[in-house]
């Protein structure tokens, strides 16, 4: 079949690579977001989707608004559009362009975690599993009928970055099955149960500020979910509180009643950096001061001594 690929995020790269390598289908064009400034020098940088598409000799379109290029999309004469992490909601005029279907690859078990940050949401909410859902797109936000769903367990050490990569690598096998079903002429369609839907928005850096009044279990999940983006942080004690980035933590069994949330129960390089939470204790395993390097907590404390009993913000 003739495939139009519409995507921007790196999670779609394995699926694009598979489409480019398979003899079953032909990628006739790629649509992705415009180049954006990146890095400290704000160098105009193309999405990796564009880089790989151009290397394969494919035409690439980068409209600020995809609704403005409907005629160009029709010219590809695509049978199926495959959409993954594009960054815009597609209007009806675009959804009607492909001859057979407009399919979306979504990184959750829909209808749970509709929206922009399903991978982080699944870890943050303590889900035991997640997966890849391929659905027929409609005009809503991740509301279309489900074509197929593949499940993946969430392991205790999974971070947002690790789970992102697992789901990205799992997606091509799901996509192959989905396209075979479309080619069969009788693909299944399962409507979503909207009563079970949850939603997760686009994450901002301030979403990663740690609230020590929450339980240690919740905060441990939050740190893993938001690694590497948007990251998590707190404030060091002092007249001019400085930001401390928290990259890795672990839970500690709490015996007696814990002191006030945010209190440093331990701030010794030998015993580690341990913080009291709303319920339970959290060991900060790897941290980073503003302008500094990521360090094990013990190394950080040797260069930035803190007092037991002080409060983190």
C-alpha atoms as a PDB file:
ATOM      1  CA  UNK A   1       0.000   0.000   0.000  1.00  0.00           C
ATOM      2  CA  UNK A   2       0.987   3.631  -0.468  1.00  0.00           C
ATOM      3  CA  UNK A   3       1.777   5.132   2.940  1.00  0.00           C
ATOM      4  CA  UNK A   4       1.876   8.793   3.949  1.00  0.00           C
ATOM      5  CA  UNK A   5       3.879   9.151   7.203  1.00  0.00           C
ATOM      6  CA  UNK A   6       2.929  12.047   9.478  1.00  0.00           C
ATOM      7  CA  UNK A   7       5.084  12.436  12.591  1.00  0.00           C
ATOM      8  CA  UNK A   8       7.667  14.463  14.439  1.00  0.00           C
ATOM      9  CA  UNK A   9       8.703  12.823  17.735  1.00  0.00           C
ATOM     10  CA  UNK A  10      11.543  10.319  17.965  1.00  0.00           C
ATOM     11  CA  UNK A  11       9.101   7.659  19.191  1.00  0.00           C
ATOM     12  CA  UNK A  12       8.012   7.287  15.564  1.00  0.00           C
ATOM     13  CA  UNK A  13      11.481   6.681  14.115  1.00  0.00           C
ATOM     14  CA  UNK A  14      11.504   2.857  14.405  1.00  0.00           C
ATOM     15  CA  UNK A  15       8.107   2.757  12.675  1.00  0.00           C
ATOM     16  CA  UNK A  16       9.352   5.015   9.877  1.00  0.00           C
ATOM     17  CA  UNK A  17      12.506   2.902   9.527  1.00  0.00           C
ATOM     18  CA  UNK A  18      10.411  -0.248   9.235  1.00  0.00           C
ATOM     19  CA  UNK A  19       8.161   1.315   6.606  1.00  0.00           C
ATOM     20  CA  UNK A  20      11.232   2.354   4.607  1.00  0.00           C
ATOM     21  CA  UNK A  21      12.728  -1.140   4.802  1.00  0.00           C
ATOM     22  CA  UNK A  22       9.695  -3.329   4.126  1.00  0.00           C
ATOM     23  CA  UNK A  23       8.757  -4.510   0.648  1.00  0.00           C
ATOM     24  CA  UNK A  24       5.070  -4.679   1.642  1.00  0.00           C
ATOM     25  CA  UNK A  25       4.452  -0.939   1.450  1.00  0.00           C
ATOM     26  CA  UNK A  26       5.725   2.213  -0.223  1.00  0.00           C
ATOM     27  CA  UNK A  27       6.219   5.453   1.711  1.00  0.00           C
ATOM     28  CA  UNK A  28       5.182   8.162  -0.742  1.00  0.00           C
ATOM     29  CA  UNK A  29       5.746  11.221   1.450  1.00  0.00           C
ATOM     30  CA  UNK A  30       6.460  12.520   4.940  1.00  0.00           C
ATOM     31  CA  UNK A  31       4.881  15.395   6.860  1.00  0.00           C
ATOM     32  CA  UNK A  32       6.622  16.720   9.963  1.00  0.00           C
ATOM     33  CA  UNK A  33       6.845  19.911  12.014  1.00  0.00           C
ATOM     34  CA  UNK A  34       9.002  22.863  10.880  1.00  0.00           C
ATOM     35  CA  UNK A  35      12.670  23.023  11.910  1.00  0.00           C
ATOM     36  CA  UNK A  36      13.128  24.580  15.357  1.00  0.00           C
ATOM     37  CA  UNK A  37      15.983  26.296  17.244  1.00  0.00           C
ATOM     38  CA  UNK A  38      17.787  23.859  19.550  1.00  0.00           C
ATOM     39  CA  UNK A  39      20.667  23.916  22.009  1.00  0.00           C
ATOM     40  CA  UNK A  40      22.283  26.854  23.762  1.00  0.00           C
ATOM     41  CA  UNK A  41      23.087  28.530  20.474  1.00  0.00           C
ATOM     42  CA  UNK A  42      19.523  28.018  19.200  1.00  0.00           C
ATOM     43  CA  UNK A  43      20.704  26.481  15.944  1.00  0.00           C
ATOM     44  CA  UNK A  44      17.813  25.784  13.561  1.00  0.00           C
ATOM     45  CA  UNK A  45      17.525  21.995  13.684  1.00  0.00           C
ATOM     46  CA  UNK A  46      15.315  19.652  11.615  1.00  0.00           C
ATOM     47  CA  UNK A  47      13.336  16.811  13.219  1.00  0.00           C
ATOM     48  CA  UNK A  48      15.146  13.486  12.866  1.00  0.00           C
ATOM     49  CA  UNK A  49      12.093  12.275  10.929  1.00  0.00           C
ATOM     50  CA  UNK A  50      12.954  14.798   8.224  1.00  0.00           C
ATOM     51  CA  UNK A  51      16.627  13.808   8.213  1.00  0.00           C
ATOM     52  CA  UNK A  52      15.817  10.132   7.634  1.00  0.00           C
ATOM     53  CA  UNK A  53      13.131  10.849   5.074  1.00  0.00           C
ATOM     54  CA  UNK A  54      15.430  13.053   2.989  1.00  0.00           C
ATOM     55  CA  UNK A  55      18.185  10.431   3.216  1.00  0.00           C
ATOM     56  CA  UNK A  56      15.696   7.964   1.722  1.00  0.00           C
ATOM     57  CA  UNK A  57      14.902  10.375  -1.112  1.00  0.00           C
ATOM     58  CA  UNK A  58      11.351  11.110   0.052  1.00  0.00           C
ATOM     59  CA  UNK A  59       9.477  14.406  -0.363  1.00  0.00           C
ATOM     60  CA  UNK A  60       9.052  16.156   2.998  1.00  0.00           C
ATOM     61  CA  UNK A  61       6.421  18.776   3.863  1.00  0.00           C
ATOM     62  CA  UNK A  62       6.738  20.977   6.987  1.00  0.00           C
ATOM     63  CA  UNK A  63       3.676  23.214   7.160  1.00  0.00           C
ATOM     64  CA  UNK A  64       3.050  25.355  10.258  1.00  0.00           C
ATOM     65  CA  UNK A  65      -0.584  24.214   9.933  1.00  0.00           C
ATOM     66  CA  UNK A  66      -1.329  20.952   8.162  1.00  0.00           C
ATOM     67  CA  UNK A  67      -4.834  22.090   7.180  1.00  0.00           C
ATOM     68  CA  UNK A  68      -3.175  24.489   4.721  1.00  0.00           C
ATOM     69  CA  UNK A  69      -1.718  21.723   2.525  1.00  0.00           C
ATOM     70  CA  UNK A  70      -4.669  19.410   1.909  1.00  0.00           C
ATOM     71  CA  UNK A  71      -4.242  19.602  -1.878  1.00  0.00           C
ATOM     72  CA  UNK A  72      -0.546  18.665  -1.587  1.00  0.00           C
ATOM     73  CA  UNK A  73      -1.489  15.717   0.629  1.00  0.00           C
ATOM     74  CA  UNK A  74      -4.086  14.495  -1.872  1.00  0.00           C
ATOM     75  CA  UNK A  75      -1.410  14.516  -4.585  1.00  0.00           C
ATOM     76  CA  UNK A  76       0.410  11.670  -2.808  1.00  0.00           C
ATOM     77  CA  UNK A  77      -2.589   9.391  -3.519  1.00  0.00           C
ATOM     78  CA  UNK A  78      -1.950   7.527  -0.261  1.00  0.00           C
ATOM     79  CA  UNK A  79      -3.928   4.466   0.762  1.00  0.00           C
ATOM     80  CA  UNK A  80      -3.135   4.908   4.454  1.00  0.00           C
ATOM     81  CA  UNK A  81      -1.759   7.744   6.571  1.00  0.00           C
ATOM     82  CA  UNK A  82       0.308   6.634   9.585  1.00  0.00           C
ATOM     83  CA  UNK A  83       0.397   9.295  12.286  1.00  0.00           C
ATOM     84  CA  UNK A  84       2.650   9.185  15.356  1.00  0.00           C
ATOM     85  CA  UNK A  85       3.592  12.051  17.698  1.00  0.00           C
ATOM     86  CA  UNK A  86       2.983  14.678  15.035  1.00  0.00           C
ATOM     87  CA  UNK A  87       2.160  17.568  17.360  1.00  0.00           C
ATOM     88  CA  UNK A  88      -1.061  18.838  15.780  1.00  0.00           C
ATOM     89  CA  UNK A  89      -4.657  17.631  15.849  1.00  0.00           C
ATOM     90  CA  UNK A  90      -5.656  16.675  12.306  1.00  0.00           C
ATOM     91  CA  UNK A  91      -8.834  18.290  10.934  1.00  0.00           C
ATOM     92  CA  UNK A  92     -11.470  16.341   9.038  1.00  0.00           C
ATOM     93  CA  UNK A  93     -10.150  17.609   5.702  1.00  0.00           C
ATOM     94  CA  UNK A  94      -6.806  15.864   6.388  1.00  0.00           C
ATOM     95  CA  UNK A  95      -8.331  12.715   7.907  1.00  0.00           C
ATOM     96  CA  UNK A  96     -10.267  12.189   4.672  1.00  0.00           C
ATOM     97  CA  UNK A  97      -7.175  12.365   2.452  1.00  0.00           C
ATOM     98  CA  UNK A  98      -6.035   8.694   2.521  1.00  0.00           C
ATOM     99  CA  UNK A  99      -8.138   6.208   0.537  1.00  0.00           C
ATOM    100  CA  UNK A 100      -8.508   3.554   3.261  1.00  0.00           C
ATOM    101  CA  UNK A 101      -7.627   4.880   6.712  1.00  0.00           C
ATOM    102  CA  UNK A 102      -5.802   7.411   8.827  1.00  0.00           C
ATOM    103  CA  UNK A 103      -4.125   5.411  11.624  1.00  0.00           C
ATOM    104  CA  UNK A 104      -2.573   6.771  14.810  1.00  0.00           C
ATOM    105  CA  UNK A 105       0.075   4.996  16.889  1.00  0.00           C
ATOM    106  CA  UNK A 106      -0.530   5.947  20.531  1.00  0.00           C
ATOM    107  CA  UNK A 107       1.691   4.982  23.468  1.00  0.00           C
ATOM    108  CA  UNK A 108      -0.935   3.866  25.986  1.00  0.00           C
ATOM    109  CA  UNK A 109      -3.769   1.397  26.434  1.00  0.00           C
ATOM    110  CA  UNK A 110      -6.595   3.614  25.280  1.00  0.00           C
ATOM    111  CA  UNK A 111      -8.895   5.040  26.489  1.00  0.00           C
ATOM    112  CA  UNK A 112      -6.487   5.406  29.434  1.00  0.00           C
ATOM    113  CA  UNK A 113      -4.067   8.323  29.083  1.00  0.00           C
ATOM    114  CA  UNK A 114      -5.380  10.161  26.065  1.00  0.00           C
ATOM    115  CA  UNK A 115      -3.251  13.199  25.300  1.00  0.00           C
ATOM    116  CA  UNK A 116       0.326  14.381  24.952  1.00  0.00           C
ATOM    117  CA  UNK A 117       2.201  12.585  27.778  1.00  0.00           C
ATOM    118  CA  UNK A 118       0.849   9.027  28.086  1.00  0.00           C
ATOM    119  CA  UNK A 119       4.212   7.409  28.851  1.00  0.00           C
ATOM    120  CA  UNK A 120       4.936   9.673  31.820  1.00  0.00           C
ATOM    121  CA  UNK A 121       1.342   9.414  33.011  1.00  0.00           C
ATOM    122  CA  UNK A 122       1.432   5.613  33.114  1.00  0.00           C
ATOM    123  CA  UNK A 123       4.514   5.574  35.368  1.00  0.00           C
ATOM    124  CA  UNK A 124       3.345   8.507  37.489  1.00  0.00           C
ATOM    125  CA  UNK A 125      -0.023   6.891  38.167  1.00  0.00           C
ATOM    126  CA  UNK A 126       1.505   3.560  39.128  1.00  0.00           C
ATOM    127  CA  UNK A 127       0.078   1.541  36.214  1.00  0.00           C
ATOM    128  CA  UNK A 128       1.256  -2.062  36.045  1.00  0.00           C
ATOM    129  CA  UNK A 129       1.261  -2.059  32.244  1.00  0.00           C
ATOM    130  CA  UNK A 130       1.057   0.133  29.193  1.00  0.00           C
ATOM    131  CA  UNK A 131       1.306  -0.584  25.497  1.00  0.00           C
ATOM    132  CA  UNK A 132       0.822   0.450  21.895  1.00  0.00           C
ATOM    133  CA  UNK A 133      -2.663   1.218  20.591  1.00  0.00           C
ATOM    134  CA  UNK A 134      -3.324   1.679  16.893  1.00  0.00           C
ATOM    135  CA  UNK A 135      -6.610   3.416  16.214  1.00  0.00           C
ATOM    136  CA  UNK A 136      -8.630   4.859  13.374  1.00  0.00           C
ATOM    137  CA  UNK A 137      -8.350   8.616  13.767  1.00  0.00           C
ATOM    138  CA  UNK A 138     -11.341  10.907  14.154  1.00  0.00           C
ATOM    139  CA  UNK A 139     -11.567  14.609  14.958  1.00  0.00           C
ATOM    140  CA  UNK A 140     -11.291  14.099  18.736  1.00  0.00           C
ATOM    141  CA  UNK A 141      -8.173  13.800  20.874  1.00  0.00           C
ATOM    142  CA  UNK A 142      -7.278  10.083  20.786  1.00  0.00           C
ATOM    143  CA  UNK A 143     -10.958   9.112  20.664  1.00  0.00           C
ATOM    144  CA  UNK A 144     -11.088   6.977  17.502  1.00  0.00           C
ATOM    145  CA  UNK A 145     -12.042   3.315  17.226  1.00  0.00           C
ATOM    146  CA  UNK A 146      -9.310   0.859  18.200  1.00  0.00           C
ATOM    147  CA  UNK A 147      -7.853  -1.380  15.492  1.00  0.00           C
ATOM    148  CA  UNK A 148      -5.457  -3.300  17.732  1.00  0.00           C
ATOM    149  CA  UNK A 149      -3.636  -3.071  21.061  1.00  0.00           C
ATOM    150  CA  UNK A 150      -0.372  -4.643  22.268  1.00  0.00           C
ATOM    151  CA  UNK A 151       0.435  -4.696  26.008  1.00  0.00           C
ATOM    152  CA  UNK A 152       3.793  -4.115  27.729  1.00  0.00           C
ATOM    153  CA  UNK A 153       4.568  -4.436  31.464  1.00  0.00           C
ATOM    154  CA  UNK A 154       5.999  -1.438  33.318  1.00  0.00           C
ATOM    155  CA  UNK A 155       9.016  -2.612  35.308  1.00  0.00           C
ATOM    156  CA  UNK A 156      10.104  -1.109  38.669  1.00  0.00           C
ATOM    157  CA  UNK A 157      13.176   0.535  37.146  1.00  0.00           C
ATOM    158  CA  UNK A 158      11.479   1.982  34.074  1.00  0.00           C
ATOM    159  CA  UNK A 159      11.887   5.725  33.578  1.00  0.00           C
ATOM    160  CA  UNK A 160      10.034   7.863  31.092  1.00  0.00           C
ATOM    161  CA  UNK A 161      13.019   7.593  28.760  1.00  0.00           C
ATOM    162  CA  UNK A 162      13.390   3.828  29.079  1.00  0.00           C
ATOM    163  CA  UNK A 163       9.672   3.193  28.537  1.00  0.00           C
ATOM    164  CA  UNK A 164       9.629   5.602  25.584  1.00  0.00           C
ATOM    165  CA  UNK A 165      12.323   3.561  23.870  1.00  0.00           C
ATOM    166  CA  UNK A 166      10.610   0.223  24.636  1.00  0.00           C
ATOM    167  CA  UNK A 167       7.329   1.433  23.157  1.00  0.00           C
ATOM    168  CA  UNK A 168       9.069   2.955  20.136  1.00  0.00           C
ATOM    169  CA  UNK A 169      10.716  -0.403  19.396  1.00  0.00           C
ATOM    170  CA  UNK A 170       7.447  -2.298  19.945  1.00  0.00           C
ATOM    171  CA  UNK A 171       5.439  -0.097  17.589  1.00  0.00           C
ATOM    172  CA  UNK A 172       6.647  -1.433  14.191  1.00  0.00           C
ATOM    173  CA  UNK A 173       5.369  -4.966  14.896  1.00  0.00           C
ATOM    174  CA  UNK A 174       1.983  -3.524  15.866  1.00  0.00           C
ATOM    175  CA  UNK A 175       1.970  -1.321  12.774  1.00  0.00           C
ATOM    176  CA  UNK A 176       2.730  -4.291  10.512  1.00  0.00           C
ATOM    177  CA  UNK A 177      -0.239  -6.210  11.960  1.00  0.00           C
ATOM    178  CA  UNK A 178      -2.468  -3.142  11.618  1.00  0.00           C
ATOM    179  CA  UNK A 179      -1.599  -2.594   7.965  1.00  0.00           C
ATOM    180  CA  UNK A 180      -2.161  -6.296   7.220  1.00  0.00           C
ATOM    181  CA  UNK A 181      -5.636  -5.969   8.754  1.00  0.00           C
ATOM    182  CA  UNK A 182      -6.356  -2.891   6.637  1.00  0.00           C
ATOM    183  CA  UNK A 183      -5.167  -4.717   3.526  1.00  0.00           C
ATOM    184  CA  UNK A 184      -7.483  -7.630   4.330  1.00  0.00           C
ATOM    185  CA  UNK A 185     -10.471  -5.371   3.697  1.00  0.00           C
ATOM    186  CA  UNK A 186     -12.179  -6.258   6.995  1.00  0.00           C
ATOM    187  CA  UNK A 187     -10.230  -4.568   9.791  1.00  0.00           C
ATOM    188  CA  UNK A 188     -11.837  -4.762  13.266  1.00  0.00           C
ATOM    189  CA  UNK A 189     -13.052  -1.554  14.911  1.00  0.00           C
ATOM    190  CA  UNK A 190     -13.650  -1.414  18.656  1.00  0.00           C
ATOM    191  CA  UNK A 191     -15.220   1.840  19.959  1.00  0.00           C
ATOM    192  CA  UNK A 192     -13.547   3.297  23.040  1.00  0.00           C
ATOM    193  CA  UNK A 193     -15.434   3.422  26.333  1.00  0.00           C
ATOM    194  CA  UNK A 194     -15.357   7.150  27.042  1.00  0.00           C
ATOM    195  CA  UNK A 195     -16.415   6.540  30.652  1.00  0.00           C
ATOM    196  CA  UNK A 196     -12.978   4.959  31.257  1.00  0.00           C
ATOM    197  CA  UNK A 197     -10.989   7.741  29.609  1.00  0.00           C
ATOM    198  CA  UNK A 198      -8.235   9.661  31.397  1.00  0.00           C
ATOM    199  CA  UNK A 199      -6.333  12.624  29.994  1.00  0.00           C
ATOM    200  CA  UNK A 200      -2.728  13.824  30.236  1.00  0.00           C
ATOM    201  CA  UNK A 201      -1.577  17.180  28.926  1.00  0.00           C
ATOM    202  CA  UNK A 202       1.692  18.490  27.568  1.00  0.00           C
ATOM    203  CA  UNK A 203       4.299  18.611  30.324  1.00  0.00           C
ATOM    204  CA  UNK A 204       6.049  21.786  31.455  1.00  0.00           C
ATOM    205  CA  UNK A 205       9.273  22.086  33.438  1.00  0.00           C
ATOM    206  CA  UNK A 206       7.418  23.354  36.498  1.00  0.00           C
ATOM    207  CA  UNK A 207       5.450  20.097  36.622  1.00  0.00           C
ATOM    208  CA  UNK A 208       8.613  18.469  37.951  1.00  0.00           C
ATOM    209  CA  UNK A 209       8.846  20.482  41.184  1.00  0.00           C
ATOM    210  CA  UNK A 210       8.783  17.968  44.053  1.00  0.00           C
ATOM    211  CA  UNK A 211       6.132  18.483  46.728  1.00  0.00           C
ATOM    212  CA  UNK A 212       7.458  16.761  49.835  1.00  0.00           C
ATOM    213  CA  UNK A 213       3.957  16.632  51.328  1.00  0.00           C
ATOM    214  CA  UNK A 214       3.193  13.826  48.881  1.00  0.00           C
ATOM    215  CA  UNK A 215       4.036  10.244  49.781  1.00  0.00           C
ATOM    216  CA  UNK A 216       7.460   8.765  49.058  1.00  0.00           C
ATOM    217  CA  UNK A 217       5.806   6.208  46.763  1.00  0.00           C
ATOM    218  CA  UNK A 218       4.219   8.950  44.658  1.00  0.00           C
ATOM    219  CA  UNK A 219       7.432  10.961  44.480  1.00  0.00           C
ATOM    220  CA  UNK A 220       9.522   7.942  43.487  1.00  0.00           C
ATOM    221  CA  UNK A 221       7.164   7.301  40.587  1.00  0.00           C
ATOM    222  CA  UNK A 222       7.211  10.986  39.632  1.00  0.00           C
ATOM    223  CA  UNK A 223      11.018  11.098  39.483  1.00  0.00           C
ATOM    224  CA  UNK A 224      11.092   8.029  37.227  1.00  0.00           C
ATOM    225  CA  UNK A 225       8.224   9.259  35.053  1.00  0.00           C
ATOM    226  CA  UNK A 226       9.784  12.671  34.422  1.00  0.00           C
ATOM    227  CA  UNK A 227      13.276  11.375  33.640  1.00  0.00           C
ATOM    228  CA  UNK A 228      14.581  12.762  31.306  1.00  0.00           C
ATOM    229  CA  UNK A 229      11.820  15.324  30.622  1.00  0.00           C
ATOM    230  CA  UNK A 230      10.724  17.557  32.252  1.00  0.00           C
ATOM    231  CA  UNK A 231      12.981  16.381  35.084  1.00  0.00           C
ATOM    232  CA  UNK A 232      12.320  16.814  38.807  1.00  0.00           C
ATOM    233  CA  UNK A 233      13.784  19.293  41.273  1.00  0.00           C
ATOM    234  CA  UNK A 234      13.529  20.840  44.720  1.00  0.00           C
ATOM    235  CA  UNK A 235      15.064  23.818  46.541  1.00  0.00           C
ATOM    236  CA  UNK A 236      18.096  23.632  48.780  1.00  0.00           C
ATOM    237  CA  UNK A 237      17.845  25.362  52.182  1.00  0.00           C
ATOM    238  CA  UNK A 238      19.470  28.756  52.653  1.00  0.00           C
ATOM    239  CA  UNK A 239      18.876  32.499  52.413  1.00  0.00           C
ATOM    240  CA  UNK A 240      18.929  32.227  48.640  1.00  0.00           C
ATOM    241  CA  UNK A 241      17.452  28.794  47.889  1.00  0.00           C
ATOM    242  CA  UNK A 242      19.083  27.141  44.885  1.00  0.00           C
ATOM    243  CA  UNK A 243      17.519  24.555  42.626  1.00  0.00           C
ATOM    244  CA  UNK A 244      18.637  20.958  43.103  1.00  0.00           C
ATOM    245  CA  UNK A 245      17.788  18.614  40.242  1.00  0.00           C
ATOM    246  CA  UNK A 246      16.863  15.118  41.366  1.00  0.00           C
ATOM    247  CA  UNK A 247      17.669  12.439  38.793  1.00  0.00           C
ATOM    248  CA  UNK A 248      17.301   9.172  40.709  1.00  0.00           C
ATOM    249  CA  UNK A 249      15.750   8.154  44.030  1.00  0.00           C
ATOM    250  CA  UNK A 250      14.802   5.034  45.980  1.00  0.00           C
ATOM    251  CA  UNK A 251      12.266   4.198  48.672  1.00  0.00           C
ATOM    252  CA  UNK A 252      13.321   3.547  52.265  1.00  0.00           C
ATOM    253  CA  UNK A 253      11.361   1.617  54.850  1.00  0.00           C
ATOM    254  CA  UNK A 254      10.131   4.141  57.426  1.00  0.00           C
ATOM    255  CA  UNK A 255      10.089   2.981  61.017  1.00  0.00           C
ATOM    256  CA  UNK A 256       9.041   5.646  63.516  1.00  0.00           C
ATOM    257  CA  UNK A 257       6.871   8.612  62.630  1.00  0.00           C
ATOM    258  CA  UNK A 258       8.580  10.810  60.067  1.00  0.00           C
ATOM    259  CA  UNK A 259       9.439  14.451  60.746  1.00  0.00           C
ATOM    260  CA  UNK A 260       7.869  17.280  58.754  1.00  0.00           C
ATOM    261  CA  UNK A 261       7.852  16.724  54.980  1.00  0.00           C
ATOM    262  CA  UNK A 262      11.050  17.935  53.327  1.00  0.00           C
ATOM    263  CA  UNK A 263      13.185  17.415  56.437  1.00  0.00           C
ATOM    264  CA  UNK A 264      16.641  15.939  55.854  1.00  0.00           C
ATOM    265  CA  UNK A 265      16.707  12.816  58.010  1.00  0.00           C
ATOM    266  CA  UNK A 266      20.257  12.169  56.836  1.00  0.00           C
ATOM    267  CA  UNK A 267      22.748  14.437  55.102  1.00  0.00           C
ATOM    268  CA  UNK A 268      25.961  12.473  55.602  1.00  0.00           C
ATOM    269  CA  UNK A 269      28.056  11.115  52.707  1.00  0.00           C
ATOM    270  CA  UNK A 270      28.260   7.734  54.465  1.00  0.00           C
ATOM    271  CA  UNK A 271      24.534   7.241  55.052  1.00  0.00           C
ATOM    272  CA  UNK A 272      23.269   9.271  52.107  1.00  0.00           C
ATOM    273  CA  UNK A 273      20.757  12.028  51.470  1.00  0.00           C
ATOM    274  CA  UNK A 274      17.415  10.957  52.944  1.00  0.00           C
ATOM    275  CA  UNK A 275      14.293  13.130  52.934  1.00  0.00           C
ATOM    276  CA  UNK A 276      11.067  12.813  54.906  1.00  0.00           C
ATOM    277  CA  UNK A 277       7.903  12.853  52.813  1.00  0.00           C
ATOM    278  CA  UNK A 278       4.210  13.136  53.589  1.00  0.00           C
ATOM    279  CA  UNK A 279       4.354   9.390  54.131  1.00  0.00           C
ATOM    280  CA  UNK A 280       7.627   7.477  54.137  1.00  0.00           C
ATOM    281  CA  UNK A 281      11.232   8.343  53.360  1.00  0.00           C
ATOM    282  CA  UNK A 282      13.010   8.908  50.067  1.00  0.00           C
ATOM    283  CA  UNK A 283      16.723   8.453  49.411  1.00  0.00           C
ATOM    284  CA  UNK A 284      18.111  10.852  46.809  1.00  0.00           C
ATOM    285  CA  UNK A 285      20.560   8.712  44.849  1.00  0.00           C
ATOM    286  CA  UNK A 286      21.704  11.081  42.099  1.00  0.00           C
ATOM    287  CA  UNK A 287      21.400  14.872  42.100  1.00  0.00           C
ATOM    288  CA  UNK A 288      22.720  17.947  40.329  1.00  0.00           C
ATOM    289  CA  UNK A 289      23.294  21.487  41.554  1.00  0.00           C
ATOM    290  CA  UNK A 290      22.651  24.429  39.261  1.00  0.00           C
ATOM    291  CA  UNK A 291      25.529  24.678  36.807  1.00  0.00           C
ATOM    292  CA  UNK A 292      27.065  21.473  38.155  1.00  0.00           C
ATOM    293  CA  UNK A 293      27.383  17.866  37.051  1.00  0.00           C
ATOM    294  CA  UNK A 294      25.132  14.930  37.870  1.00  0.00           C
ATOM    295  CA  UNK A 295      26.611  13.294  40.956  1.00  0.00           C
ATOM    296  CA  UNK A 296      25.876  10.466  43.362  1.00  0.00           C
ATOM    297  CA  UNK A 297      24.393  12.043  46.485  1.00  0.00           C
ATOM    298  CA  UNK A 298      27.451  11.101  48.566  1.00  0.00           C
ATOM    299  CA  UNK A 299      29.788  12.996  46.197  1.00  0.00           C
ATOM    300  CA  UNK A 300      27.400  15.954  46.112  1.00  0.00           C
ATOM    301  CA  UNK A 301      27.374  16.183  49.929  1.00  0.00           C
ATOM    302  CA  UNK A 302      31.173  16.240  50.080  1.00  0.00           C
ATOM    303  CA  UNK A 303      31.183  19.405  48.008  1.00  0.00           C
ATOM    304  CA  UNK A 304      27.866  20.843  49.241  1.00  0.00           C
ATOM    305  CA  UNK A 305      27.502  19.947  52.929  1.00  0.00           C
ATOM    306  CA  UNK A 306      23.963  20.047  54.322  1.00  0.00           C
ATOM    307  CA  UNK A 307      22.730  19.717  57.883  1.00  0.00           C
ATOM    308  CA  UNK A 308      20.493  16.965  59.145  1.00  0.00           C
ATOM    309  CA  UNK A 309      17.188  18.549  60.173  1.00  0.00           C
ATOM    310  CA  UNK A 310      17.302  21.217  57.457  1.00  0.00           C
ATOM    311  CA  UNK A 311      14.269  21.466  55.164  1.00  0.00           C
ATOM    312  CA  UNK A 312      14.232  21.132  51.414  1.00  0.00           C
ATOM    313  CA  UNK A 313      11.766  23.292  49.518  1.00  0.00           C
END
